[in-house]
Amino acid sequence: MLEIETPHGLARVDLHCVPEGRAGLLLGHGAGGGIAAPDLVAAAQSARRAGVHVALVEQPYRVAGRRAPAPAKQLDTAWLAVVEYLGAGVLEGLPLVFGGRSSGARVACRTSDEGGAAAVLCLAFPVHPPGKPEKDRLPELAGVDVPILVVQGERDPFGQPAPAPHRDVVLLPGDHSLKGDLDGLSRAVGEWLERILRPIT
């Protein structure tokens, strides 16, 4: 487990390298959860099978033992500090895919341009808070200019985004946890990584 100093405290990275990895996938956790969430684990395993190094990133507020998430700007700044550290080290010279579940997916979208992401993977992107469709977060998805995959539960109370240019959406049985079809999630992630990495690796 790596510990990386960020402007907002220590972040932790659980790094899973593969022989001759062709890219790096950084995955962030949800607001109240951690990097052991079943969908993150399934996505990480699928990425490693596709020949991709995986870094599961634990935000400083979680490392410090807090449950309530830090403000968005702090999350983004800490994430970019981790990206910079890994990009200058173990993942140097490799295309980087940003990703995460729920809040972590939002961070990946918001930082994709500044961090130089080659693609973005969103697991259970929270389109809006449950029961509050007027609080729309779709602009964060729409602001991503690189290929993006959204894997969403069909019964997710946080909503479902629609496909768009550069944006693939895969709906799976289940809710926001995405535990209902982990095999389907693994398949979707693996096939998408193969497709988007082929022209750039």
Foldseek 3Di string as FASTA:
>chain_A
DDWFQFPVGTKDKDKDAEPPAQAEEEEEEAQQDACVQLLNVLLCVLSVVLRYIYIYMGQRCVVVPHRGHDDLVSRLRRVLSVLVVCCVPVRPPHAYEYEYEASSQLSSLQCCVVSVHQEYEYELHQQAPQPCNVRGPCVSVVSHPHAYEYEAEPAESSDADDADVSYHYHYDHDYSSPPPCSVVSSVVSNVVCCVSCVVPD
